[in-house]
C-alpha atoms as a PDB file:
ATOM      1  CA  MET A   1      57.036 106.906 104.301  1.00  0.00           C
ATOM      2  CA  GLU A   2      60.198 105.567 104.222  1.00  0.00           C
ATOM      3  CA  ASP A   3      64.111 106.632 104.390  1.00  0.00           C
ATOM      4  CA  ILE A   4      66.294 105.937 101.191  1.00  0.00           C
ATOM      5  CA  TRP A   5      69.931 104.838 101.899  1.00  0.00           C
ATOM      6  CA  TYR A   6      72.913 104.040  99.497  1.00  0.00           C
ATOM      7  CA  SER A   7      75.213 101.929 100.960  1.00  0.00           C
ATOM      8  CA  GLY A   8      74.247 102.758 104.212  1.00  0.00           C
ATOM      9  CA  LEU A   9      74.350 106.538 103.892  1.00  0.00           C
ATOM     10  CA  ARG A  10      71.021 108.470 103.654  1.00  0.00           C
ATOM     11  CA  VAL A  11      70.118 110.609 101.093  1.00  0.00           C
ATOM     12  CA  ALA A  12      70.587 114.397 102.354  1.00  0.00           C
ATOM     13  CA  GLU A  13      69.448 116.026  99.219  1.00  0.00           C
ATOM     14  CA  ARG A  14      69.184 116.058  95.788  1.00  0.00           C
ATOM     15  CA  ARG A  15      70.414 119.001  92.969  1.00  0.00           C
ATOM     16  CA  PRO A  16      69.681 118.950  89.179  1.00  0.00           C
ATOM     17  CA  ILE A  17      71.850 117.061  86.755  1.00  0.00           C
ATOM     18  CA  THR A  18      74.353 119.708  85.203  1.00  0.00           C
ATOM     19  CA  ALA A  19      76.751 119.471  81.857  1.00  0.00           C
ATOM     20  CA  GLU A  20      79.493 118.063  83.459  1.00  0.00           C
ATOM     21  CA  ASP A  21      77.451 115.184  85.277  1.00  0.00           C
ATOM     22  CA  LEU A  22      76.044 114.410  81.595  1.00  0.00           C
ATOM     23  CA  ALA A  23      79.630 113.861  80.563  1.00  0.00           C
ATOM     24  CA  ALA A  24      80.449 111.843  83.398  1.00  0.00           C
ATOM     25  CA  ILE A  25      77.244 109.624  82.775  1.00  0.00           C
ATOM     26  CA  ASP A  26      78.813 109.503  79.016  1.00  0.00           C
ATOM     27  CA  ARG A  27      82.374 108.265  80.671  1.00  0.00           C
ATOM     28  CA  LEU A  28      80.628 105.423  82.457  1.00  0.00           C
ATOM     29  CA  ARG A  29      78.547 104.568  80.033  1.00  0.00           C
ATOM     30  CA  ARG A  30      82.170 104.084  77.884  1.00  0.00           C
ATOM     31  CA  ASN A  31      83.678 102.094  80.976  1.00  0.00           C
ATOM     32  CA  ARG A  32      80.790  99.781  81.195  1.00  0.00           C
ATOM     33  CA  LYS A  33      80.685  99.055  76.932  1.00  0.00           C
ATOM     34  CA  MET A  34      84.569  98.084  77.254  1.00  0.00           C
ATOM     35  CA  ARG A  35      84.165  95.894  80.304  1.00  0.00           C
ATOM     36  CA  THR A  36      81.463  94.152  78.249  1.00  0.00           C
ATOM     37  CA  ALA A  37      83.693  93.757  75.034  1.00  0.00           C
ATOM     38  CA  ILE A  38      86.795  92.481  77.091  1.00  0.00           C
ATOM     39  CA  SER A  39      84.541  90.184  79.218  1.00  0.00           C
ATOM     40  CA  LEU A  40      83.035  88.897  75.461  1.00  0.00           C
ATOM     41  CA  LEU A  41      85.798  89.077  73.696  1.00  0.00           C
ATOM     42  CA  GLY A  42      89.086  88.515  75.877  1.00  0.00           C
ATOM     43  CA  GLY A  43      89.439  84.633  75.113  1.00  0.00           C
ATOM     44  CA  PRO A  44      88.804  85.188  71.387  1.00  0.00           C
ATOM     45  CA  LEU A  45      91.008  87.553  70.897  1.00  0.00           C
ATOM     46  CA  LEU A  46      93.728  85.165  72.669  1.00  0.00           C
ATOM     47  CA  ALA A  47      92.716  82.351  70.801  1.00  0.00           C
ATOM     48  CA  LEU A  48      93.206  84.788  67.783  1.00  0.00           C
ATOM     49  CA  VAL A  49      97.017  85.757  68.604  1.00  0.00           C
ATOM     50  CA  GLY A  50      97.849  82.280  69.555  1.00  0.00           C
ATOM     51  CA  SER A  51      96.624  81.404  65.829  1.00  0.00           C
ATOM     52  CA  LEU A  52      98.565  84.230  64.196  1.00  0.00           C
ATOM     53  CA  ALA A  53     101.391  83.743  65.678  1.00  0.00           C
ATOM     54  CA  ALA A  54     101.482  79.912  64.710  1.00  0.00           C
ATOM     55  CA  TRP A  55     100.847  80.620  61.481  1.00  0.00           C
ATOM     56  CA  LEU A  56     103.111  83.866  60.950  1.00  0.00           C
ATOM     57  CA  PHE A  57     106.224  82.237  62.541  1.00  0.00           C
ATOM     58  CA  ASP A  58     105.494  78.646  62.339  1.00  0.00           C
ATOM     59  CA  LEU A  59     104.974  78.442  66.379  1.00  0.00           C
ATOM     60  CA  THR A  60     103.216  75.059  66.621  1.00  0.00           C
ATOM     61  CA  ASP A  61     103.530  75.663  70.594  1.00  0.00           C
ATOM     62  CA  ALA A  62     102.059  79.206  70.679  1.00  0.00           C
ATOM     63  CA  LEU A  63      98.860  77.430  68.790  1.00  0.00           C
ATOM     64  CA  ARG A  64      98.667  74.166  71.243  1.00  0.00           C
ATOM     65  CA  LEU A  65      98.935  76.784  74.403  1.00  0.00           C
ATOM     66  CA  ALA A  66      96.391  79.301  73.056  1.00  0.00           C
ATOM     67  CA  TYR A  67      93.308  77.951  72.719  1.00  0.00           C
ATOM     68  CA  PRO A  68      93.120  76.145  76.250  1.00  0.00           C
ATOM     69  CA  GLY A  69      94.721  79.396  77.408  1.00  0.00           C
ATOM     70  CA  ALA A  70      91.550  81.727  75.848  1.00  0.00           C
ATOM     71  CA  VAL A  71      89.292  79.196  77.665  1.00  0.00           C
ATOM     72  CA  VAL A  72      91.054  79.642  80.883  1.00  0.00           C
ATOM     73  CA  PHE A  73      91.227  83.663  80.323  1.00  0.00           C
ATOM     74  CA  ALA A  74      87.503  83.807  79.145  1.00  0.00           C
ATOM     75  CA  LEU A  75      86.263  82.189  82.329  1.00  0.00           C
ATOM     76  CA  SER A  76      88.110  84.245  84.716  1.00  0.00           C
ATOM     77  CA  LEU A  77      86.603  87.322  82.923  1.00  0.00           C
ATOM     78  CA  ARG A  78      83.234  85.932  84.154  1.00  0.00           C
ATOM     79  CA  PRO A  79      81.157  86.906  80.663  1.00  0.00           C
ATOM     80  CA  TRP A  80      77.700  84.968  82.223  1.00  0.00           C
ATOM     81  CA  ARG A  81      78.160  87.605  85.437  1.00  0.00           C
ATOM     82  CA  VAL A  82      79.515  90.437  83.668  1.00  0.00           C
ATOM     83  CA  VAL A  83      77.944  91.204  80.574  1.00  0.00           C
ATOM     84  CA  PRO A  84      74.184  91.096  82.181  1.00  0.00           C
ATOM     85  CA  ALA A  85      75.438  93.315  84.990  1.00  0.00           C
ATOM     86  CA  CYS A  86      76.829  95.564  82.822  1.00  0.00           C
ATOM     87  CA  SER A  87      73.486  95.707  80.545  1.00  0.00           C
ATOM     88  CA  ARG A  88      71.876  96.555  83.646  1.00  0.00           C
ATOM     89  CA  GLN A  89      73.991  99.048  84.446  1.00  0.00           C
ATOM     90  CA  LEU A  90      73.916 100.531  80.810  1.00  0.00           C
ATOM     91  CA  ASP A  91      70.099 100.722  80.966  1.00  0.00           C
ATOM     92  CA  ALA A  92      70.143 102.289  84.617  1.00  0.00           C
ATOM     93  CA  LEU A  93      72.481 105.261  83.045  1.00  0.00           C
ATOM     94  CA  HIS A  94      70.010 105.775  80.299  1.00  0.00           C
ATOM     95  CA  ARG A  95      67.401 106.251  82.683  1.00  0.00           C
ATOM     96  CA  ASP A  96      69.885 108.493  85.380  1.00  0.00           C
ATOM     97  CA  ALA A  97      70.347 110.748  82.109  1.00  0.00           C
ATOM     98  CA  ASP A  98      66.981 111.277  81.220  1.00  0.00           C
ATOM     99  CA  GLY A  99      65.957 111.826  85.174  1.00  0.00           C
ATOM    100  CA  GLY A 100      67.730 115.253  85.831  1.00  0.00           C
ATOM    101  CA  GLU A 101      68.700 114.759  88.918  1.00  0.00           C
ATOM    102  CA  ILE A 102      71.973 113.675  91.350  1.00  0.00           C
ATOM    103  CA  VAL A 103      71.383 112.488  94.783  1.00  0.00           C
ATOM    104  CA  ILE A 104      73.731 113.655  97.570  1.00  0.00           C
ATOM    105  CA  CYS A 105      74.263 111.155 100.542  1.00  0.00           C
ATOM    106  CA  LYS A 106      75.921 112.056 103.579  1.00  0.00           C
ATOM    107  CA  GLY A 107      77.031 109.847 106.637  1.00  0.00           C
ATOM    108  CA  ILE A 108      80.056 108.718 108.811  1.00  0.00           C
ATOM    109  CA  GLY A 109      82.684 105.960 107.301  1.00  0.00           C
ATOM    110  CA  CYS A 110      81.760 103.438 110.052  1.00  0.00           C
ATOM    111  CA  GLU A 111      78.235 103.398 108.930  1.00  0.00           C
ATOM    112  CA  LEU A 112      79.020 101.961 105.552  1.00  0.00           C
ATOM    113  CA  VAL A 113      77.372  99.055 104.028  1.00  0.00           C
ATOM    114  CA  PHE A 114      79.077  97.078 101.409  1.00  0.00           C
ATOM    115  CA  THR A 115      77.965  93.978  99.054  1.00  0.00           C
ATOM    116  CA  MET A 116      79.720  91.625  96.648  1.00  0.00           C
ATOM    117  CA  ASN A 117      79.753  92.894  92.689  1.00  0.00           C
ATOM    118  CA  GLU A 118      79.796  90.443  90.175  1.00  0.00           C
ATOM    119  CA  GLU A 119      83.564  89.877  90.136  1.00  0.00           C
ATOM    120  CA  LYS A 120      83.390  89.203  93.791  1.00  0.00           C
ATOM    121  CA  ARG A 121      84.883  92.403  95.299  1.00  0.00           C
ATOM    122  CA  LEU A 122      83.329  94.507  97.840  1.00  0.00           C
ATOM    123  CA  THR A 123      81.566  97.752  96.569  1.00  0.00           C
ATOM    124  CA  PRO A 124      81.968 100.724  96.461  1.00  0.00           C
ATOM    125  CA  GLN A 125      85.567  99.911  96.634  1.00  0.00           C
ATOM    126  CA  ILE A 126      86.564 103.570  96.750  1.00  0.00           C
ATOM    127  CA  LEU A 127      85.231 103.591 100.352  1.00  0.00           C
ATOM    128  CA  VAL A 128      86.431 100.214 101.388  1.00  0.00           C
ATOM    129  CA  HIS A 129      89.622 101.898 103.073  1.00  0.00           C
ATOM    130  CA  SER A 130      87.710 104.915 104.436  1.00  0.00           C
ATOM    131  CA  GLU A 131      88.191 105.992 107.712  1.00  0.00           C
ATOM    132  CA  PRO A 132      85.585 104.765 110.349  1.00  0.00           C
ATOM    133  CA  ASP A 133      85.147 108.360 111.403  1.00  0.00           C
ATOM    134  CA  GLU A 134      85.691 109.852 108.262  1.00  0.00           C
ATOM    135  CA  ARG A 135      82.911 112.395 107.286  1.00  0.00           C
ATOM    136  CA  LEU A 136      81.217 111.505 104.191  1.00  0.00           C
ATOM    137  CA  THR A 137      79.522 113.271 101.309  1.00  0.00           C
ATOM    138  CA  ILE A 138      78.841 111.614  98.279  1.00  0.00           C
ATOM    139  CA  GLU A 139      77.115 112.656  94.954  1.00  0.00           C
ATOM    140  CA  LEU A 140      75.581 109.490  92.979  1.00  0.00           C
ATOM    141  CA  LEU A 141      73.189 108.736  90.478  1.00  0.00           C
ATOM    142  CA  PRO A 142      69.866 107.640  91.689  1.00  0.00           C
ATOM    143  CA  ASN A 143      68.800 104.568  89.210  1.00  0.00           C
ATOM    144  CA  SER A 144      72.273 103.049  88.443  1.00  0.00           C
ATOM    145  CA  GLY A 145      73.885 104.071  92.127  1.00  0.00           C
ATOM    146  CA  ALA A 146      76.897 104.929  90.299  1.00  0.00           C
ATOM    147  CA  ILE A 147      79.109 107.382  92.450  1.00  0.00           C
ATOM    148  CA  LEU A 148      80.370 110.639  90.762  1.00  0.00           C
ATOM    149  CA  THR A 149      82.395 112.014  93.598  1.00  0.00           C
ATOM    150  CA  VAL A 150      83.473 111.754  97.384  1.00  0.00           C
ATOM    151  CA  ASN A 151      83.849 114.767  99.664  1.00  0.00           C
ATOM    152  CA  ASP A 152      83.980 117.219  96.164  1.00  0.00           C
ATOM    153  CA  MET A 153      86.902 114.887  94.547  1.00  0.00           C
ATOM    154  CA  GLU A 154      85.933 113.316  91.350  1.00  0.00           C
ATOM    155  CA  VAL A 155      85.500 109.335  90.917  1.00  0.00           C
ATOM    156  CA  HIS A 156      86.952 107.742  87.508  1.00  0.00           C
ATOM    157  CA  SER A 157      86.252 104.077  87.862  1.00  0.00           C
ATOM    158  CA  TRP A 158      82.684 102.388  88.250  1.00  0.00           C
ATOM    159  CA  ASN A 159      81.502 102.294  91.907  1.00  0.00           C
ATOM    160  CA  GLU A 160      78.004 101.787  92.438  1.00  0.00           C
ATOM    161  CA  ALA A 161      76.117 102.266  95.790  1.00  0.00           C
ATOM    162  CA  GLN A 162      72.952  99.630  96.475  1.00  0.00           C
ATOM    163  CA  GLN A 163      69.550 101.498  97.297  1.00  0.00           C
ATOM    164  CA  GLY A 164      67.966 100.351 100.112  1.00  0.00           C
ATOM    165  CA  ALA A 165      65.143 101.877 102.362  1.00  0.00           C
ATOM    166  CA  THR A 166      63.735 102.041 105.825  1.00  0.00           C
ATOM    167  CA  ALA A 167      60.353 102.788 107.262  1.00  0.00           C
ATOM    168  CA  ALA A 168      60.429 106.291 108.539  1.00  0.00           C
ATOM    169  CA  LYS A 169      60.088 106.518 112.083  1.00  0.00           C
ATOM    170  CA  SER A 170      56.433 107.724 112.968  1.00  0.00           C
ATOM    171  CA  ASP A 171      55.969 110.329 115.789  1.00  0.00           C
ATOM    172  CA  HIS A 172      54.688 108.022 117.620  1.00  0.00           C
ATOM    173  CA  ALA A 173      57.379 105.964 118.050  1.00  0.00           C
ATOM    174  CA  LYS A 174      59.041 108.725 119.017  1.00  0.00           C
ATOM    175  CA  ALA A 175      57.137 109.447 121.691  1.00  0.00           C
ATOM    176  CA  ALA A 176      56.754 106.076 122.921  1.00  0.00           C
ATOM    177  CA  ALA A 177      60.652 106.315 124.190  1.00  0.00           C
ATOM    178  CA  HIS A 178      59.073 109.260 126.530  1.00  0.00           C
ATOM    179  CA  PHE A 179      56.324 106.557 127.883  1.00  0.00           C
ATOM    180  CA  ILE A 180      59.001 104.377 129.713  1.00  0.00           C
ATOM    181  CA  GLN A 181      59.753 103.324 133.290  1.00  0.00           C
ATOM    182  CA  GLN A 182      62.831 103.549 135.587  1.00  0.00           C
ATOM    183  CA  HIS A 183      64.764  99.907 135.455  1.00  0.00           C
ATOM    184  CA  PRO A 184      64.440  98.629 139.259  1.00  0.00           C
ATOM    185  CA  ASN A 185      67.831  97.436 139.427  1.00  0.00           C
ATOM    186  CA  GLU A 186      70.001  99.780 137.223  1.00  0.00           C
ATOM    187  CA  ASP A 187      70.223 103.306 137.897  1.00  0.00           C
ATOM    188  CA  GLY A 188      70.073 105.550 134.884  1.00  0.00           C
ATOM    189  CA  THR A 189      68.420 102.789 132.882  1.00  0.00           C
ATOM    190  CA  ALA A 190      64.609 103.208 131.893  1.00  0.00           C
ATOM    191  CA  ILE A 191      62.574 100.524 129.641  1.00  0.00           C
ATOM    192  CA  GLY A 192      59.660 100.154 127.737  1.00  0.00           C
ATOM    193  CA  SER A 193      58.397  98.831 124.277  1.00  0.00           C
ATOM    194  CA  ARG A 194      56.117  99.549 121.789  1.00  0.00           C
ATOM    195  CA  ALA A 195      54.218  97.932 118.290  1.00  0.00           C
ATOM    196  CA  LEU A 196      56.415  97.901 115.513  1.00  0.00           C
ATOM    197  CA  SER A 197      54.292  99.878 112.845  1.00  0.00           C
ATOM    198  CA  ALA A 198      52.986  98.599 109.644  1.00  0.00           C
ATOM    199  CA  GLU A 199      55.904  99.879 107.745  1.00  0.00           C
ATOM    200  CA  GLU A 200      58.607  98.227 109.845  1.00  0.00           C
ATOM    201  CA  LEU A 201      56.919  95.256 110.046  1.00  0.00           C
ATOM    202  CA  THR A 202      56.701  94.985 106.365  1.00  0.00           C
ATOM    203  CA  GLU A 203      60.420  95.543 106.256  1.00  0.00           C
ATOM    204  CA  LEU A 204      61.553  93.200 108.779  1.00  0.00           C
ATOM    205  CA  ILE A 205      59.462  90.334 106.968  1.00  0.00           C
ATOM    206  CA  ALA A 206      61.527  91.223 104.081  1.00  0.00           C
ATOM    207  CA  HIS A 207      64.572  90.962 105.592  1.00  0.00           C
ATOM    208  CA  ALA A 208      63.668  87.558 106.699  1.00  0.00           C
ATOM    209  CA  PRO A 209      61.055  86.038 104.651  1.00  0.00           C
ATOM    210  CA  PRO A 210      59.378  82.433 104.798  1.00  0.00           C
ATOM    211  CA  VAL A 211      60.502  79.540 102.563  1.00  0.00           C
ATOM    212  CA  SER A 212      57.694  79.353 100.053  1.00  0.00           C
ATOM    213  CA  GLN A 213      56.033  76.218  99.159  1.00  0.00           C
ATOM    214  CA  ILE A 214      57.438  76.704  95.988  1.00  0.00           C
ATOM    215  CA  ASP A 215      61.068  76.873  97.092  1.00  0.00           C
ATOM    216  CA  LEU A 216      60.479  73.635  99.195  1.00  0.00           C
ATOM    217  CA  LEU A 217      59.156  71.904  95.904  1.00  0.00           C
ATOM    218  CA  LEU A 218      61.625  72.993  93.533  1.00  0.00           C
ATOM    219  CA  MET A 219      64.453  72.163  96.215  1.00  0.00           C
ATOM    220  CA  ALA A 220      63.206  68.899  96.186  1.00  0.00           C
ATOM    221  CA  GLY A 221      62.838  67.961  93.039  1.00  0.00           C
ATOM    222  CA  VAL A 222      66.276  68.917  92.453  1.00  0.00           C
ATOM    223  CA  VAL A 223      67.270  66.591  94.792  1.00  0.00           C
ATOM    224  CA  LEU A 224      65.163  63.899  93.487  1.00  0.00           C
ATOM    225  CA  LEU A 225      66.608  64.194  90.415  1.00  0.00           C
ATOM    226  CA  ALA A 226      69.916  64.034  90.993  1.00  0.00           C
ATOM    227  CA  PHE A 227      69.413  60.699  93.094  1.00  0.00           C
ATOM    228  CA  VAL A 228      67.417  59.124  90.024  1.00  0.00           C
ATOM    229  CA  ALA A 229      70.423  60.402  87.956  1.00  0.00           C
ATOM    230  CA  TRP A 230      73.020  58.641  90.366  1.00  0.00           C
ATOM    231  CA  TRP A 231      70.943  55.687  90.295  1.00  0.00           C
ATOM    232  CA  HIS A 232      70.037  55.242  86.724  1.00  0.00           C
ATOM    233  CA  THR A 233      74.106  55.623  86.235  1.00  0.00           C
ATOM    234  CA  PHE A 234      74.896  52.727  88.306  1.00  0.00           C
ATOM    235  CA  ALA A 235      71.977  50.670  87.712  1.00  0.00           C
ATOM    236  CA  THR A 236      73.025  50.619  84.030  1.00  0.00           C
ATOM    237  CA  ARG A 237      76.567  50.864  84.392  1.00  0.00           C
ATOM    238  CA  ASN A 238      76.627  54.364  82.360  1.00  0.00           C
ATOM    239  CA  TYR A 239      79.875  55.780  83.118  1.00  0.00           C
ATOM    240  CA  THR A 240      78.885  58.948  81.547  1.00  0.00           C
ATOM    241  CA  ILE A 241      78.342  60.886  84.992  1.00  0.00           C
ATOM    242  CA  ALA A 242      77.899  64.657  83.588  1.00  0.00           C
ATOM    243  CA  LEU A 243      74.005  64.557  84.015  1.00  0.00           C
ATOM    244  CA  PRO A 244      73.951  63.055  87.692  1.00  0.00           C
ATOM    245  CA  VAL A 245      76.912  65.768  88.646  1.00  0.00           C
ATOM    246  CA  LEU A 246      75.075  68.733  87.450  1.00  0.00           C
ATOM    247  CA  GLY A 247      72.053  67.925  88.936  1.00  0.00           C
ATOM    248  CA  THR A 248      74.433  67.264  92.478  1.00  0.00           C
ATOM    249  CA  ILE A 249      75.637  70.892  91.961  1.00  0.00           C
ATOM    250  CA  ALA A 250      72.389  72.259  91.076  1.00  0.00           C
ATOM    251  CA  ALA A 251      70.653  70.110  94.434  1.00  0.00           C
ATOM    252  CA  ILE A 252      73.413  71.581  96.843  1.00  0.00           C
ATOM    253  CA  TRP A 253      72.957  75.018  95.429  1.00  0.00           C
ATOM    254  CA  LEU A 254      69.201  75.045  96.000  1.00  0.00           C
ATOM    255  CA  SER A 255      69.851  73.365  99.736  1.00  0.00           C
ATOM    256  CA  ALA A 256      72.418  75.822 100.691  1.00  0.00           C
ATOM    257  CA  ARG A 257      69.614  78.743  99.236  1.00  0.00           C
ATOM    258  CA  THR A 258      66.818  77.422 101.424  1.00  0.00           C
ATOM    259  CA  LEU A 259      68.643  76.612 104.109  1.00  0.00           C
ATOM    260  CA  ARG A 260      69.588  80.202 104.580  1.00  0.00           C
ATOM    261  CA  ARG A 261      66.650  81.797 103.990  1.00  0.00           C
ATOM    262  CA  TRP A 262      65.471  79.464 106.530  1.00  0.00           C
ATOM    263  CA  ARG A 263      67.681  79.928 108.885  1.00  0.00           C
ATOM    264  CA  MET A 264      67.043  83.799 108.319  1.00  0.00           C
ATOM    265  CA  HIS A 265      63.306  83.640 109.120  1.00  0.00           C
ATOM    266  CA  ARG A 266      63.582  81.318 111.957  1.00  0.00           C
ATOM    267  CA  ARG A 267      65.819  84.019 114.089  1.00  0.00           C
ATOM    268  CA  PHE A 268      63.543  86.680 113.505  1.00  0.00           C
ATOM    269  CA  ALA A 269      60.502  84.600 113.354  1.00  0.00           C
ATOM    270  CA  ARG A 270      59.392  85.251 116.750  1.00  0.00           C
ATOM    271  CA  ASP A 271      59.871  89.218 116.377  1.00  0.00           C
ATOM    272  CA  ILE A 272      57.941  88.989 113.402  1.00  0.00           C
ATOM    273  CA  GLY A 273      54.955  87.107 115.692  1.00  0.00           C
ATOM    274  CA  ILE A 274      55.214  89.624 118.506  1.00  0.00           C
ATOM    275  CA  ALA A 275      55.634  92.669 116.179  1.00  0.00           C
ATOM    276  CA  ARG A 276      57.331  94.574 119.182  1.00  0.00           C
ATOM    277  CA  VAL A 277      60.598  95.974 120.158  1.00  0.00           C
ATOM    278  CA  VAL A 278      61.895  96.952 123.619  1.00  0.00           C
ATOM    279  CA  ILE A 279      63.032 100.459 124.325  1.00  0.00           C
ATOM    280  CA  VAL A 280      66.037 101.477 126.512  1.00  0.00           C
ATOM    281  CA  HIS A 281      66.503 104.725 127.356  1.00  0.00           C
ATOM    282  CA  GLN A 282      70.196 105.093 129.135  1.00  0.00           C
ATOM    283  CA  GLU A 283      71.807 107.770 130.462  1.00  0.00           C
ATOM    284  CA  ASP A 284      75.839 108.192 130.662  1.00  0.00           C
ATOM    285  CA  ASP A 285      78.209 111.164 131.076  1.00  0.00           C
ATOM    286  CA  GLU A 286      77.850 112.823 127.827  1.00  0.00           C
ATOM    287  CA  GLU A 287      74.483 112.365 126.302  1.00  0.00           C
ATOM    288  CA  THR A 288      70.894 110.394 126.983  1.00  0.00           C
ATOM    289  CA  PHE A 289      69.887 108.583 124.169  1.00  0.00           C
ATOM    290  CA  PRO A 290      66.744 105.613 123.664  1.00  0.00           C
ATOM    291  CA  VAL A 291      67.795 102.260 121.825  1.00  0.00           C
ATOM    292  CA  GLU A 292      65.743  99.910 120.687  1.00  0.00           C
ATOM    293  CA  TYR A 293      66.074  96.492 120.009  1.00  0.00           C
ATOM    294  CA  LEU A 294      64.020  93.159 118.962  1.00  0.00           C
ATOM    295  CA  PRO A 295      62.947  91.150 122.043  1.00  0.00           C
ATOM    296  CA  PHE A 296      64.007  87.744 120.761  1.00  0.00           C
ATOM    297  CA  SER A 297      66.642  88.089 117.838  1.00  0.00           C
ATOM    298  CA  GLY A 298      68.405  91.166 119.994  1.00  0.00           C
ATOM    299  CA  ALA A 299      68.920  92.980 116.901  1.00  0.00           C
ATOM    300  CA  LEU A 300      69.564  96.562 117.338  1.00  0.00           C
ATOM    301  CA  TRP A 301      66.446  98.290 115.807  1.00  0.00           C
ATOM    302  CA  THR A 302      66.933 101.548 116.188  1.00  0.00           C
ATOM    303  CA  TYR A 303      69.603 104.015 117.802  1.00  0.00           C
ATOM    304  CA  GLY A 304      68.856 107.553 118.874  1.00  0.00           C
ATOM    305  CA  HIS A 305      65.754 107.128 116.442  1.00  0.00           C
ATOM    306  CA  ILE A 306      68.140 106.335 113.585  1.00  0.00           C
ATOM    307  CA  PRO A 307      67.715 102.793 111.807  1.00  0.00           C
ATOM    308  CA  THR A 308      70.931 100.741 112.516  1.00  0.00           C
ATOM    309  CA  THR A 309      73.392  99.846 109.648  1.00  0.00           C
ATOM    310  CA  TRP A 310      72.102  96.003 109.319  1.00  0.00           C
ATOM    311  CA  ARG A 311      68.571  97.385 108.259  1.00  0.00           C
ATOM    312  CA  ARG A 312      69.557  99.783 105.474  1.00  0.00           C
ATOM    313  CA  LEU A 313      70.166  97.053 102.757  1.00  0.00           C
ATOM    314  CA  PRO A 314      68.415  93.868 102.414  1.00  0.00           C
ATOM    315  CA  LEU A 315      70.249  90.825 104.340  1.00  0.00           C
ATOM    316  CA  SER A 316      69.213  88.824 101.349  1.00  0.00           C
ATOM    317  CA  ARG A 317      72.382  90.725  99.437  1.00  0.00           C
ATOM    318  CA  LYS A 318      74.960  89.087 101.857  1.00  0.00           C
ATOM    319  CA  THR A 319      75.896  92.588 103.301  1.00  0.00           C
ATOM    320  CA  PHE A 320      79.157  93.214 104.946  1.00  0.00           C
ATOM    321  CA  VAL A 321      79.789  96.216 107.225  1.00  0.00           C
ATOM    322  CA  ARG A 322      82.541  97.617 108.745  1.00  0.00           C
ATOM    323  CA  ARG A 323      83.615  96.027 111.987  1.00  0.00           C
ATOM    324  CA  GLU A 324      84.524  98.064 115.521  1.00  0.00           C
ATOM    325  CA  PRO A 325      88.304  98.135 116.296  1.00  0.00           C
ATOM    326  CA  GLY A 326      89.279  96.019 119.081  1.00  0.00           C
END
């Protein structure tokens, strides 16, 4: 069993799709098709307008500026990212229309988890400026994650919620919170531990997988190729440095990616090895709540038997959570 989350909000219920929902899906399809067309044709259209202006009005300066401007405009639209993303979204919208259901998620603003979209913007954008203590109910499409309503207010722009899953906490894990001992030096605090379930351990490994031999070999090969390319350039006095530069960029990108994965695995490696969590049961003036955390990394695992925010989307997606004020 597992719990499903969208941008950090738990799936509370599902309902059948309606004719209004199908109309909204058609609107989103048109939005994605228009975005694809603009990304692909924006630069060529600008170059065409410049050419027509130069031909009709004999404006040679317009032609001189149109082509460089078209190239810059085309690059700013990022078609190499936007087109694959829109293609994926259109395919998911088609499956949503055939799926016949709408997902309803509920939570609080402070539980939201954001990711970067293809335009390097936090998404879902419509929820970026929501209040941390605001109660949220969002309706969305299960495959594409496209948000249809927020607190019964219709959403017209494209806002995508990323899906994540956490291992459901077993009855055994909940019962373990009762078999703990009072802390000898702190009144009102009891401590204990329990083993992670197989599903929880699988989830933790998925957040911080070890660097594979293939990744290491690929990184080493690209670094070696970049070094050889630079050596050949200097040895032959060949001043065409396109290949060495491209090889260096690829080597830096792969090295940074591999280093990030290694650091992430190193952070949780001992927690994965021991496969246990520490339980702290603390009493205050208002409530009693159990807290679980990983003993070596110190990362919170559950709070009141609820998975903590960082677990609700894979860490490899470079997630962003709302910071507490102060």
